[in-house]
Amino acid sequence: MKISRIEHLGIAVQSIDAVRPYFEDVLGLKIYKEEVVEDQKVKTAFMKVGEVKLELLEPTSPDSTVQKYLDNGGRGIHHVAFKIEDGVADSLAYCDSKGIRLIDKAPRGGADGLHIAFLHPKSTCGILTELCEE
């Protein structure tokens, strides 16, 4: 598996509008894209810091995994996403061969036009890990 960089950091928030002043007015970052990802039950907002994106994740349903994360006391960094150069499908097969528990058995569509797949935090030192490719 070849990782070229951190693609983005996912940040769980209850409301994008509530945290917007901190990111835009205090940090000086600008949200350049917002979208709802229906199958993941989240609204996302993206900002860039150099080559790395920050992705705000707002749950759109009480049964969203992001809402469950927030309900269990999770706040802030929700996941780390890595840009994969040799394909998400091949990287999933590689991780599976190494005994890593997969959340996704195959790549799926994600926000910002990416193909994505998640690795389970119980196999990744407690870090929800997302693999991404354009």
Protein backbone atom coordinates (compact mmCIF):
# COMPACT_ATOMS: atom_id res chain seq x y z
CA MET A 1 0.00 0.00 0.00
CA LYS A 2 1.41 3.37 -0.99
CA ILE A 3 0.21 6.40 0.99
CA SER A 4 1.14 9.72 -0.58
CA ARG A 5 -0.24 12.12 2.04
CA ILE A 6 -2.96 12.86 4.55
CA GLU A 7 -5.98 13.55 2.34
CA HIS A 8 -8.12 15.01 5.10
CA LEU A 9 -8.96 14.99 8.78
CA GLY A 10 -12.62 14.33 9.57
CA ILE A 11 -13.94 16.43 12.45
CA ALA A 12 -17.26 15.48 14.07
CA VAL A 13 -19.47 18.45 14.97
CA GLN A 14 -23.09 18.74 16.01
CA SER A 15 -23.59 21.75 13.73
CA ILE A 16 -21.40 23.11 10.94
CA ASP A 17 -23.05 26.52 11.31
CA ALA A 18 -22.17 26.61 15.02
CA VAL A 19 -18.45 25.99 14.43
CA ARG A 20 -18.12 28.03 11.23
CA PRO A 21 -17.14 31.25 13.09
CA TYR A 22 -14.18 29.51 14.75
CA PHE A 23 -12.80 28.06 11.52
CA GLU A 24 -13.54 31.07 9.32
CA ASP A 25 -13.32 34.11 11.60
CA VAL A 26 -10.65 32.95 14.05
CA LEU A 27 -8.49 30.58 11.98
CA GLY A 28 -9.07 32.41 8.70
CA LEU A 29 -10.01 29.25 6.78
CA LYS A 30 -12.83 29.30 4.24
CA ILE A 31 -15.34 26.56 3.59
CA TYR A 32 -15.13 25.93 -0.15
CA LYS A 33 -17.64 23.10 -0.48
CA GLU A 34 -20.61 21.71 1.43
CA GLU A 35 -22.55 18.61 0.52
CA VAL A 36 -24.83 15.99 2.01
CA VAL A 37 -23.75 12.36 1.67
CA GLU A 38 -27.08 10.57 1.98
CA ASP A 39 -25.80 7.01 2.44
CA GLN A 40 -23.48 8.12 5.26
CA LYS A 41 -26.16 10.36 6.82
CA VAL A 42 -23.85 13.35 7.11
CA LYS A 43 -23.50 16.89 5.86
CA THR A 44 -19.90 17.78 5.11
CA ALA A 45 -18.01 21.04 4.75
CA PHE A 46 -14.46 21.24 3.41
CA MET A 47 -11.62 23.67 4.06
CA LYS A 48 -7.98 23.49 2.98
CA VAL A 49 -4.84 23.96 5.02
CA GLY A 50 -2.04 23.67 2.47
CA GLU A 51 -2.57 20.36 0.70
CA VAL A 52 -4.61 18.84 3.55
CA LYS A 53 -8.36 19.22 3.80
CA LEU A 54 -10.39 19.51 6.98
CA GLU A 55 -13.81 17.86 6.67
CA LEU A 56 -16.49 18.92 9.12
CA LEU A 57 -19.02 16.12 9.64
CA GLU A 58 -22.52 17.02 10.83
CA PRO A 59 -24.98 14.15 11.35
CA THR A 60 -28.22 14.39 9.39
CA SER A 61 -29.97 11.54 11.22
CA PRO A 62 -30.09 10.20 14.79
CA ASP A 63 -28.79 6.84 13.49
CA SER A 64 -25.79 8.37 11.69
CA THR A 65 -22.47 6.85 12.79
CA VAL A 66 -21.26 10.42 13.38
CA GLN A 67 -24.23 11.08 15.70
CA LYS A 68 -23.46 7.86 17.57
CA TYR A 69 -19.84 8.99 17.90
CA LEU A 70 -20.98 12.34 19.33
CA ASP A 71 -23.51 10.65 21.63
CA ASN A 72 -20.71 8.47 23.05
CA GLY A 73 -18.68 11.51 24.04
CA GLY A 74 -16.68 11.77 20.86
CA ARG A 75 -15.75 15.30 19.83
CA GLY A 76 -13.22 16.67 17.45
CA ILE A 77 -11.13 14.39 15.26
CA HIS A 78 -13.36 11.57 14.01
CA HIS A 79 -11.02 9.98 11.45
CA VAL A 80 -7.79 10.33 9.50
CA ALA A 81 -7.98 9.85 5.73
CA PHE A 82 -4.98 8.88 3.66
CA LYS A 83 -4.63 9.36 -0.08
CA ILE A 84 -3.77 5.99 -1.59
CA GLU A 85 -1.71 5.86 -4.79
CA ASP A 86 -2.17 2.17 -5.63
CA GLY A 87 -5.96 2.02 -5.39
CA VAL A 88 -8.33 1.58 -2.50
CA ALA A 89 -9.44 -1.91 -3.59
CA ASP A 90 -5.86 -3.20 -3.64
CA SER A 91 -5.13 -1.49 -0.33
CA LEU A 92 -8.18 -3.13 1.26
CA ALA A 93 -6.98 -6.54 0.08
CA TYR A 94 -3.53 -5.80 1.49
CA CYS A 95 -4.93 -4.68 4.87
CA ASP A 96 -7.20 -7.73 4.99
CA SER A 97 -4.19 -9.99 4.35
CA LYS A 98 -2.47 -8.34 7.34
CA GLY A 99 -5.44 -9.12 9.61
CA ILE A 100 -6.86 -5.60 9.70
CA ARG A 101 -10.62 -5.53 10.28
CA LEU A 102 -12.39 -3.85 7.35
CA ILE A 103 -15.52 -1.74 7.72
CA ASP A 104 -15.87 -1.60 3.93
CA LYS A 105 -15.11 -4.70 1.87
CA ALA A 106 -15.02 -2.64 -1.34
CA PRO A 107 -14.55 1.05 -2.20
CA ARG A 108 -17.64 3.26 -2.23
CA GLY A 109 -18.45 6.82 -3.15
CA GLY A 110 -17.63 9.48 -0.59
CA ALA A 111 -17.74 13.23 -0.24
CA ASP A 112 -15.74 15.51 -2.53
CA GLY A 113 -15.83 12.99 -5.39
CA LEU A 114 -13.56 10.44 -3.71
CA HIS A 115 -13.67 6.65 -3.68
CA ILE A 116 -13.30 5.63 -0.04
CA ALA A 117 -13.18 2.72 2.38
CA PHE A 118 -12.80 2.57 6.16
CA LEU A 119 -10.67 0.39 8.40
CA HIS A 120 -12.06 -0.49 11.83
CA PRO A 121 -10.44 1.34 14.77
CA LYS A 122 -10.24 -1.90 16.78
CA SER A 123 -7.52 -2.98 14.31
CA THR A 124 -5.85 0.39 13.77
CA CYS A 125 -4.62 1.52 17.19
CA GLY A 126 -8.00 3.09 17.97
CA ILE A 127 -7.91 5.39 14.92
CA LEU A 128 -10.79 5.24 12.46
CA THR A 129 -8.84 5.20 9.19
CA GLU A 130 -10.19 6.13 5.78
CA LEU A 131 -8.46 5.18 2.53
CA CYS A 132 -9.15 7.56 -0.39
CA GLU A 133 -8.52 7.85 -4.10
CA GLU A 134 -9.73 10.32 -6.68
